[in-house]
C-alpha atoms as a PDB file:
ATOM      1  CA  MET A   1      22.001  56.470  23.504  1.00  0.00           C
ATOM      2  CA  THR A   2      21.109  53.853  20.904  1.00  0.00           C
ATOM      3  CA  GLY A   3      18.157  51.519  20.963  1.00  0.00           C
ATOM      4  CA  LYS A   4      18.318  47.754  20.768  1.00  0.00           C
ATOM      5  CA  LEU A   5      18.223  45.912  17.476  1.00  0.00           C
ATOM      6  CA  PHE A   6      16.786  42.423  17.838  1.00  0.00           C
ATOM      7  CA  VAL A   7      17.100  39.947  14.963  1.00  0.00           C
ATOM      8  CA  ILE A   8      14.646  37.085  15.402  1.00  0.00           C
ATOM      9  CA  GLY A   9      13.317  34.068  13.559  1.00  0.00           C
ATOM     10  CA  THR A  10       9.658  33.101  13.676  1.00  0.00           C
ATOM     11  CA  GLY A  11      10.422  29.411  13.111  1.00  0.00           C
ATOM     12  CA  PRO A  12       9.031  27.385  10.196  1.00  0.00           C
ATOM     13  CA  GLY A  13       5.543  28.856  10.617  1.00  0.00           C
ATOM     14  CA  ASN A  14       3.892  27.039  13.508  1.00  0.00           C
ATOM     15  CA  PRO A  15       3.427  29.575  16.347  1.00  0.00           C
ATOM     16  CA  ASP A  16       4.420  26.888  18.877  1.00  0.00           C
ATOM     17  CA  GLN A  17       7.885  26.734  17.263  1.00  0.00           C
ATOM     18  CA  MET A  18       8.674  30.374  18.025  1.00  0.00           C
ATOM     19  CA  THR A  19      10.941  30.558  21.068  1.00  0.00           C
ATOM     20  CA  PRO A  20      10.099  32.398  24.303  1.00  0.00           C
ATOM     21  CA  GLU A  21      13.231  34.508  23.788  1.00  0.00           C
ATOM     22  CA  ALA A  22      11.941  35.642  20.382  1.00  0.00           C
ATOM     23  CA  LEU A  23       8.539  36.451  21.877  1.00  0.00           C
ATOM     24  CA  GLY A  24      10.302  38.536  24.524  1.00  0.00           C
ATOM     25  CA  ALA A  25      12.157  40.457  21.815  1.00  0.00           C
ATOM     26  CA  VAL A  26       8.851  41.158  20.058  1.00  0.00           C
ATOM     27  CA  ALA A  27       7.340  42.502  23.294  1.00  0.00           C
ATOM     28  CA  ALA A  28      10.373  44.788  23.834  1.00  0.00           C
ATOM     29  CA  SER A  29      10.386  46.270  20.310  1.00  0.00           C
ATOM     30  CA  THR A  30       8.600  49.267  18.855  1.00  0.00           C
ATOM     31  CA  GLU A  31       9.278  48.967  15.114  1.00  0.00           C
ATOM     32  CA  PHE A  32       9.451  45.791  13.025  1.00  0.00           C
ATOM     33  CA  PHE A  33      11.223  45.271   9.713  1.00  0.00           C
ATOM     34  CA  GLY A  34      10.814  42.150   7.598  1.00  0.00           C
ATOM     35  CA  TYR A  35       9.374  40.300   4.635  1.00  0.00           C
ATOM     36  CA  PHE A  36       5.565  40.578   4.470  1.00  0.00           C
ATOM     37  CA  PRO A  37       4.633  36.947   5.393  1.00  0.00           C
ATOM     38  CA  TYR A  38       7.078  36.805   8.317  1.00  0.00           C
ATOM     39  CA  ILE A  39       5.895  40.044   9.924  1.00  0.00           C
ATOM     40  CA  ASP A  40       2.282  38.948   9.460  1.00  0.00           C
ATOM     41  CA  ARG A  41       2.947  35.971  11.738  1.00  0.00           C
ATOM     42  CA  LEU A  42       3.381  38.339  14.705  1.00  0.00           C
ATOM     43  CA  ASN A  43       0.550  39.478  16.971  1.00  0.00           C
ATOM     44  CA  LEU A  44       1.542  43.095  17.501  1.00  0.00           C
ATOM     45  CA  ARG A  45       0.102  45.719  19.815  1.00  0.00           C
ATOM     46  CA  PRO A  46      -1.537  48.864  18.434  1.00  0.00           C
ATOM     47  CA  ASP A  47       1.529  50.914  19.416  1.00  0.00           C
ATOM     48  CA  GLN A  48       3.929  48.674  17.469  1.00  0.00           C
ATOM     49  CA  ILE A  49       4.757  49.602  13.868  1.00  0.00           C
ATOM     50  CA  LYS A  50       5.249  47.177  10.935  1.00  0.00           C
ATOM     51  CA  VAL A  51       7.562  48.122   8.057  1.00  0.00           C
ATOM     52  CA  ALA A  52       7.189  45.272   5.569  1.00  0.00           C
ATOM     53  CA  SER A  53       9.199  44.920   2.362  1.00  0.00           C
ATOM     54  CA  ASP A  54       9.928  42.483  -0.459  1.00  0.00           C
ATOM     55  CA  ASN A  55      12.062  39.394   0.083  1.00  0.00           C
ATOM     56  CA  ARG A  56      14.943  40.783  -2.008  1.00  0.00           C
ATOM     57  CA  GLU A  57      15.288  43.945   0.075  1.00  0.00           C
ATOM     58  CA  GLU A  58      17.403  42.375   2.821  1.00  0.00           C
ATOM     59  CA  LEU A  59      20.285  44.857   2.848  1.00  0.00           C
ATOM     60  CA  ASN A  60      18.048  47.926   2.579  1.00  0.00           C
ATOM     61  CA  ARG A  61      15.899  46.509   5.367  1.00  0.00           C
ATOM     62  CA  ALA A  62      18.939  45.988   7.581  1.00  0.00           C
ATOM     63  CA  GLN A  63      20.240  49.503   6.904  1.00  0.00           C
ATOM     64  CA  THR A  64      16.884  51.114   7.702  1.00  0.00           C
ATOM     65  CA  ALA A  65      16.601  49.139  10.941  1.00  0.00           C
ATOM     66  CA  LEU A  66      20.114  50.204  11.957  1.00  0.00           C
ATOM     67  CA  ILE A  67      19.308  53.857  11.271  1.00  0.00           C
ATOM     68  CA  ARG A  68      16.295  53.622  13.567  1.00  0.00           C
ATOM     69  CA  ALA A  69      18.200  51.728  16.288  1.00  0.00           C
ATOM     70  CA  ALA A  70      21.045  54.253  16.142  1.00  0.00           C
ATOM     71  CA  ALA A  71      18.403  56.958  16.685  1.00  0.00           C
ATOM     72  CA  GLY A  72      17.338  55.334  19.963  1.00  0.00           C
ATOM     73  CA  VAL A  73      14.422  53.134  18.860  1.00  0.00           C
ATOM     74  CA  ASN A  74      14.084  49.490  19.894  1.00  0.00           C
ATOM     75  CA  VAL A  75      13.638  47.681  16.590  1.00  0.00           C
ATOM     76  CA  CYS A  76      13.147  44.079  15.538  1.00  0.00           C
ATOM     77  CA  VAL A  77      14.273  42.569  12.243  1.00  0.00           C
ATOM     78  CA  VAL A  78      12.128  39.533  11.480  1.00  0.00           C
ATOM     79  CA  SER A  79      13.142  36.380   9.591  1.00  0.00           C
ATOM     80  CA  GLY A  80      11.483  33.031   9.126  1.00  0.00           C
ATOM     81  CA  GLY A  81      13.160  29.994  10.664  1.00  0.00           C
ATOM     82  CA  ASP A  82      16.447  30.901  12.345  1.00  0.00           C
ATOM     83  CA  PRO A  83      17.754  34.411  11.564  1.00  0.00           C
ATOM     84  CA  GLY A  84      21.316  33.141  11.175  1.00  0.00           C
ATOM     85  CA  VAL A  85      20.562  30.490   8.519  1.00  0.00           C
ATOM     86  CA  PHE A  86      20.238  32.083   5.049  1.00  0.00           C
ATOM     87  CA  ALA A  87      18.410  34.957   6.713  1.00  0.00           C
ATOM     88  CA  MET A  88      18.603  38.470   8.120  1.00  0.00           C
ATOM     89  CA  ALA A  89      21.346  38.164  10.766  1.00  0.00           C
ATOM     90  CA  ALA A  90      24.034  38.034   8.057  1.00  0.00           C
ATOM     91  CA  ALA A  91      22.484  41.020   6.246  1.00  0.00           C
ATOM     92  CA  VAL A  92      22.525  43.068   9.466  1.00  0.00           C
ATOM     93  CA  CYS A  93      26.159  42.146  10.149  1.00  0.00           C
ATOM     94  CA  GLU A  94      27.050  42.998   6.545  1.00  0.00           C
ATOM     95  CA  ALA A  95      25.383  46.405   6.916  1.00  0.00           C
ATOM     96  CA  ILE A  96      27.240  47.083  10.168  1.00  0.00           C
ATOM     97  CA  ASP A  97      30.542  46.056   8.560  1.00  0.00           C
ATOM     98  CA  ALA A  98      30.108  48.480   5.648  1.00  0.00           C
ATOM     99  CA  GLY A  99      28.180  51.210   7.465  1.00  0.00           C
ATOM    100  CA  PRO A 100      29.008  54.264   9.565  1.00  0.00           C
ATOM    101  CA  ASP A 101      30.824  53.922  12.885  1.00  0.00           C
ATOM    102  CA  ASP A 102      27.744  54.665  14.994  1.00  0.00           C
ATOM    103  CA  TRP A 103      26.110  51.453  13.741  1.00  0.00           C
ATOM    104  CA  LYS A 104      28.869  49.480  15.478  1.00  0.00           C
ATOM    105  CA  SER A 105      27.619  50.889  18.796  1.00  0.00           C
ATOM    106  CA  VAL A 106      24.075  49.597  18.352  1.00  0.00           C
ATOM    107  CA  ASP A 107      23.081  47.017  20.973  1.00  0.00           C
ATOM    108  CA  LEU A 108      22.599  44.013  18.667  1.00  0.00           C
ATOM    109  CA  VAL A 109      20.787  40.917  19.947  1.00  0.00           C
ATOM    110  CA  ILE A 110      20.490  37.942  17.567  1.00  0.00           C
ATOM    111  CA  VAL A 111      17.932  35.443  18.843  1.00  0.00           C
ATOM    112  CA  PRO A 112      18.254  31.824  17.624  1.00  0.00           C
ATOM    113  CA  GLY A 113      15.229  30.069  16.177  1.00  0.00           C
ATOM    114  CA  VAL A 114      14.086  26.787  14.641  1.00  0.00           C
ATOM    115  CA  THR A 115      15.269  26.525  11.047  1.00  0.00           C
ATOM    116  CA  ALA A 116      13.454  24.513   8.365  1.00  0.00           C
ATOM    117  CA  MET A 117      15.852  21.581   8.219  1.00  0.00           C
ATOM    118  CA  LEU A 118      15.457  20.979  11.969  1.00  0.00           C
ATOM    119  CA  ALA A 119      11.664  21.084  11.738  1.00  0.00           C
ATOM    120  CA  VAL A 120      11.640  18.696   8.759  1.00  0.00           C
ATOM    121  CA  ALA A 121      14.088  16.332  10.460  1.00  0.00           C
ATOM    122  CA  ALA A 122      11.941  16.209  13.601  1.00  0.00           C
ATOM    123  CA  ARG A 123       8.811  15.394  11.598  1.00  0.00           C
ATOM    124  CA  ILE A 124      10.417  12.542   9.671  1.00  0.00           C
ATOM    125  CA  GLY A 125      12.781  10.958  12.221  1.00  0.00           C
ATOM    126  CA  ALA A 126      16.463  11.830  12.563  1.00  0.00           C
ATOM    127  CA  PRO A 127      18.063  12.261   9.123  1.00  0.00           C
ATOM    128  CA  LEU A 128      20.546  14.769  10.587  1.00  0.00           C
ATOM    129  CA  GLY A 129      21.726  12.268  13.186  1.00  0.00           C
ATOM    130  CA  HIS A 130      25.273  12.250  11.780  1.00  0.00           C
ATOM    131  CA  ASP A 131      27.329  14.878   9.931  1.00  0.00           C
ATOM    132  CA  PHE A 132      25.340  17.160   7.631  1.00  0.00           C
ATOM    133  CA  CYS A 133      25.475  20.470   5.785  1.00  0.00           C
ATOM    134  CA  ALA A 134      23.065  23.080   4.438  1.00  0.00           C
ATOM    135  CA  ILE A 135      23.297  24.590   0.944  1.00  0.00           C
ATOM    136  CA  SER A 136      21.103  27.208  -0.679  1.00  0.00           C
ATOM    137  CA  LEU A 137      20.384  26.456  -4.325  1.00  0.00           C
ATOM    138  CA  SER A 138      19.719  30.123  -5.054  1.00  0.00           C
ATOM    139  CA  ASP A 139      22.371  31.648  -7.310  1.00  0.00           C
ATOM    140  CA  ASN A 140      21.248  35.218  -6.602  1.00  0.00           C
ATOM    141  CA  LEU A 141      24.209  35.767  -4.259  1.00  0.00           C
ATOM    142  CA  LYS A 142      26.746  33.223  -5.536  1.00  0.00           C
ATOM    143  CA  PRO A 143      27.572  31.658  -8.925  1.00  0.00           C
ATOM    144  CA  TRP A 144      25.877  28.409  -9.897  1.00  0.00           C
ATOM    145  CA  GLU A 145      29.309  26.907 -10.612  1.00  0.00           C
ATOM    146  CA  ILE A 146      30.145  27.232  -6.903  1.00  0.00           C
ATOM    147  CA  ILE A 147      26.901  25.482  -5.964  1.00  0.00           C
ATOM    148  CA  GLU A 148      27.705  22.580  -8.317  1.00  0.00           C
ATOM    149  CA  LYS A 149      31.218  22.256  -6.868  1.00  0.00           C
ATOM    150  CA  ARG A 150      29.911  22.193  -3.306  1.00  0.00           C
ATOM    151  CA  LEU A 151      27.263  19.590  -4.126  1.00  0.00           C
ATOM    152  CA  ARG A 152      29.883  17.286  -5.608  1.00  0.00           C
ATOM    153  CA  LEU A 153      32.300  17.723  -2.711  1.00  0.00           C
ATOM    154  CA  VAL A 154      29.780  17.184   0.093  1.00  0.00           C
ATOM    155  CA  SER A 155      28.230  14.162  -1.612  1.00  0.00           C
ATOM    156  CA  GLU A 156      31.703  12.648  -2.010  1.00  0.00           C
ATOM    157  CA  ALA A 157      32.332  13.389   1.680  1.00  0.00           C
ATOM    158  CA  GLY A 158      29.223  11.426   2.662  1.00  0.00           C
ATOM    159  CA  LEU A 159      27.343  14.293   4.288  1.00  0.00           C
ATOM    160  CA  VAL A 160      23.586  14.511   4.578  1.00  0.00           C
ATOM    161  CA  ILE A 161      22.559  17.618   2.617  1.00  0.00           C
ATOM    162  CA  ALA A 162      19.739  20.032   3.418  1.00  0.00           C
ATOM    163  CA  LEU A 163      18.821  22.139   0.404  1.00  0.00           C
ATOM    164  CA  TYR A 164      17.256  25.539   0.983  1.00  0.00           C
ATOM    165  CA  ASN A 165      15.606  27.684  -1.729  1.00  0.00           C
ATOM    166  CA  PRO A 166      15.348  24.606  -3.959  1.00  0.00           C
ATOM    167  CA  ILE A 167      13.161  25.963  -6.739  1.00  0.00           C
ATOM    168  CA  SER A 168      11.184  29.016  -7.830  1.00  0.00           C
ATOM    169  CA  LYS A 169       9.475  30.416 -10.910  1.00  0.00           C
ATOM    170  CA  ALA A 170      12.691  32.231 -11.777  1.00  0.00           C
ATOM    171  CA  ARG A 171      14.848  29.135 -11.060  1.00  0.00           C
ATOM    172  CA  PRO A 172      12.841  26.100 -12.199  1.00  0.00           C
ATOM    173  CA  TRP A 173      15.792  23.951 -13.320  1.00  0.00           C
ATOM    174  CA  GLN A 174      18.296  24.023 -10.483  1.00  0.00           C
ATOM    175  CA  LEU A 175      16.893  21.317  -8.213  1.00  0.00           C
ATOM    176  CA  GLY A 176      16.711  18.864 -11.103  1.00  0.00           C
ATOM    177  CA  LYS A 177      20.312  19.648 -11.980  1.00  0.00           C
ATOM    178  CA  ALA A 178      21.307  19.176  -8.333  1.00  0.00           C
ATOM    179  CA  PHE A 179      19.736  15.712  -8.341  1.00  0.00           C
ATOM    180  CA  GLU A 180      21.691  14.855 -11.512  1.00  0.00           C
ATOM    181  CA  ILE A 181      24.948  15.892  -9.830  1.00  0.00           C
ATOM    182  CA  LEU A 182      24.219  13.923  -6.655  1.00  0.00           C
ATOM    183  CA  ARG A 183      23.327  10.792  -8.648  1.00  0.00           C
ATOM    184  CA  GLU A 184      26.897  10.776  -9.985  1.00  0.00           C
ATOM    185  CA  THR A 185      28.128   9.873  -6.481  1.00  0.00           C
ATOM    186  CA  LEU A 186      25.281   8.668  -4.291  1.00  0.00           C
ATOM    187  CA  PRO A 187      23.387   5.365  -4.577  1.00  0.00           C
ATOM    188  CA  ALA A 188      20.047   5.556  -6.366  1.00  0.00           C
ATOM    189  CA  THR A 189      18.418   4.231  -3.170  1.00  0.00           C
ATOM    190  CA  THR A 190      19.540   7.219  -1.079  1.00  0.00           C
ATOM    191  CA  PRO A 191      16.458   8.668   0.680  1.00  0.00           C
ATOM    192  CA  VAL A 192      15.330  12.147  -0.354  1.00  0.00           C
ATOM    193  CA  ILE A 193      12.899  14.007   1.909  1.00  0.00           C
ATOM    194  CA  PHE A 194      10.667  16.736   0.508  1.00  0.00           C
ATOM    195  CA  GLY A 195       9.617  18.567   3.656  1.00  0.00           C
ATOM    196  CA  ARG A 196       7.073  21.249   2.893  1.00  0.00           C
ATOM    197  CA  ALA A 197       5.729  23.721   5.495  1.00  0.00           C
ATOM    198  CA  ALA A 198       6.809  21.622   8.479  1.00  0.00           C
ATOM    199  CA  GLY A 199       4.462  22.124  11.408  1.00  0.00           C
ATOM    200  CA  ARG A 200       1.895  24.179   9.478  1.00  0.00           C
ATOM    201  CA  PRO A 201      -1.629  23.078   8.455  1.00  0.00           C
ATOM    202  CA  ASP A 202      -0.474  22.635   4.844  1.00  0.00           C
ATOM    203  CA  GLU A 203       2.483  20.453   5.833  1.00  0.00           C
ATOM    204  CA  ARG A 204       3.508  17.711   3.398  1.00  0.00           C
ATOM    205  CA  MET A 205       6.277  15.150   3.968  1.00  0.00           C
ATOM    206  CA  LEU A 206       7.322  12.910   1.098  1.00  0.00           C
ATOM    207  CA  VAL A 207      10.186  10.408   0.942  1.00  0.00           C
ATOM    208  CA  MET A 208      11.539   9.164  -2.403  1.00  0.00           C
ATOM    209  CA  ALA A 209      14.667   7.384  -3.559  1.00  0.00           C
ATOM    210  CA  LEU A 210      17.231   9.673  -5.189  1.00  0.00           C
ATOM    211  CA  GLY A 211      16.971   7.674  -8.407  1.00  0.00           C
ATOM    212  CA  GLU A 212      13.288   8.609  -8.654  1.00  0.00           C
ATOM    213  CA  ALA A 213      13.325  12.046  -7.032  1.00  0.00           C
ATOM    214  CA  ALA A 214      11.529  14.652  -9.161  1.00  0.00           C
ATOM    215  CA  ALA A 215      12.159  18.361  -8.819  1.00  0.00           C
ATOM    216  CA  GLU A 216       8.497  19.256  -9.336  1.00  0.00           C
ATOM    217  CA  ARG A 217       7.737  17.754  -5.922  1.00  0.00           C
ATOM    218  CA  ALA A 218       9.273  20.896  -4.347  1.00  0.00           C
ATOM    219  CA  ASP A 219       8.438  24.571  -4.154  1.00  0.00           C
ATOM    220  CA  MET A 220       9.950  27.499  -2.239  1.00  0.00           C
ATOM    221  CA  ALA A 221       8.208  26.356   0.957  1.00  0.00           C
ATOM    222  CA  THR A 222      10.077  23.030   0.758  1.00  0.00           C
ATOM    223  CA  CYS A 223      13.324  22.041   2.435  1.00  0.00           C
ATOM    224  CA  VAL A 224      14.831  19.079   0.583  1.00  0.00           C
ATOM    225  CA  VAL A 225      17.002  16.736   2.648  1.00  0.00           C
ATOM    226  CA  ILE A 226      19.198  14.224   0.807  1.00  0.00           C
ATOM    227  CA  GLY A 227      20.512  11.406   2.934  1.00  0.00           C
ATOM    228  CA  SER A 228      23.998   9.939   2.969  1.00  0.00           C
ATOM    229  CA  PRO A 229      24.741   6.352   1.868  1.00  0.00           C
ATOM    230  CA  GLU A 230      24.233   5.359   5.532  1.00  0.00           C
ATOM    231  CA  THR A 231      20.762   6.939   5.903  1.00  0.00           C
ATOM    232  CA  ARG A 232      18.080   4.331   6.567  1.00  0.00           C
ATOM    233  CA  ILE A 233      14.287   4.029   6.328  1.00  0.00           C
ATOM    234  CA  ILE A 234      12.271   2.170   8.973  1.00  0.00           C
ATOM    235  CA  GLU A 235       8.918   0.864   7.747  1.00  0.00           C
ATOM    236  CA  ARG A 236       6.214   0.874  10.446  1.00  0.00           C
ATOM    237  CA  PRO A 237       2.865  -0.886   9.867  1.00  0.00           C
ATOM    238  CA  GLY A 238       0.069   1.664   9.991  1.00  0.00           C
ATOM    239  CA  LEU A 239       2.425   4.524  10.843  1.00  0.00           C
ATOM    240  CA  PRO A 240       4.597   6.912   8.797  1.00  0.00           C
ATOM    241  CA  GLU A 241       8.040   5.605   7.976  1.00  0.00           C
ATOM    242  CA  LEU A 242      11.041   6.921   9.884  1.00  0.00           C
ATOM    243  CA  VAL A 243      14.181   8.194   8.180  1.00  0.00           C
ATOM    244  CA  TYR A 244      17.383   8.386  10.201  1.00  0.00           C
ATOM    245  CA  THR A 245      21.134   8.530   9.799  1.00  0.00           C
ATOM    246  CA  PRO A 246      22.994   6.310  12.305  1.00  0.00           C
ATOM    247  CA  ARG A 247      25.223   8.035  14.845  1.00  0.00           C
ATOM    248  CA  PHE A 248      28.038   5.581  14.229  1.00  0.00           C
ATOM    249  CA  LEU A 249      29.971   5.453  10.970  1.00  0.00           C
ATOM    250  CA  LYS A 250      31.990   2.428   9.962  1.00  0.00           C
ATOM    251  CA  ASP A 251      35.726   3.004   9.679  1.00  0.00           C
ATOM    252  CA  ALA A 252      36.238   3.561   5.937  1.00  0.00           C
ATOM    253  CA  SER A 253      39.936   2.662   6.208  1.00  0.00           C
ATOM    254  CA  ARG A 254      39.181  -0.977   7.146  1.00  0.00           C
END
C-alpha cells in the first residue's frame, strides 16, 4: 500500500495566506521535501522530517518524494505560492510520467494555493480584472527566443502580463529586454507594477509607467505585472493609488 503524496504551496510568504487545506496536508504528512526557504515557513512537529534541497533540484526532489510515497510514507512536497504555477506540481507529474509504473499508483493530492500574481493584484487593486497571462522570464527550461515571441504575441493581443522570475544575478538583462519588447506595442503610459514580497513585512509595491520602468526595481522576490492599454490608475488623496483593468472591453471591430 502506498502513502499519500501531497503537493502544497505556502502562498507568497504571509502565514495567513496559506490555505486550511494546505495546513491539513502538513498535519497529515511525515516527510517534507522542498526548497530551503519554503520548508522553513512550516511549523513542524518533532516527529516530522525535513529534507531541504536547492531550488534547481526540482526533478530530483520529486523523484525522491515519489520513492518514499511508493514505500508507504505520507510525504509533502512544498512550493511557494501555488504548487501548479511555475512550481513543484509539474515536476511531480513529469516524474510520474517518466518513472516506474508503481509511481502511477501513488495517491497524489495537489493542493491549490495563493500565487504571487494574485497576492500582488490584491494589494494594488484589480489589474487582473480582465484577460491576463503569466510568463516566466527564466530561460533555464525554455529558449529565450520563445520568451520573446510570447511577449510580443500577448502584448499584441492586449493581455495583462504577470512576469515571474524576472531577474537574478545569473540573468540580469532579461527584464530590461522584456520591457524593450513590450514598448514596441504598448503605450508608454501603460502601468507596470513591481510587487515585491506581497503580504510579508518587507513588502514593496511600486507603480511606474512602462516608458519609465527600470529593471533594477525588481529582484527574484518580485512579481512584475504589466497592464494592458485599458488598465487604469485611480489617484486617491492620502491613500495608495489603485490599479485596475476594466471588466468590459470595447468592441475593437467598431
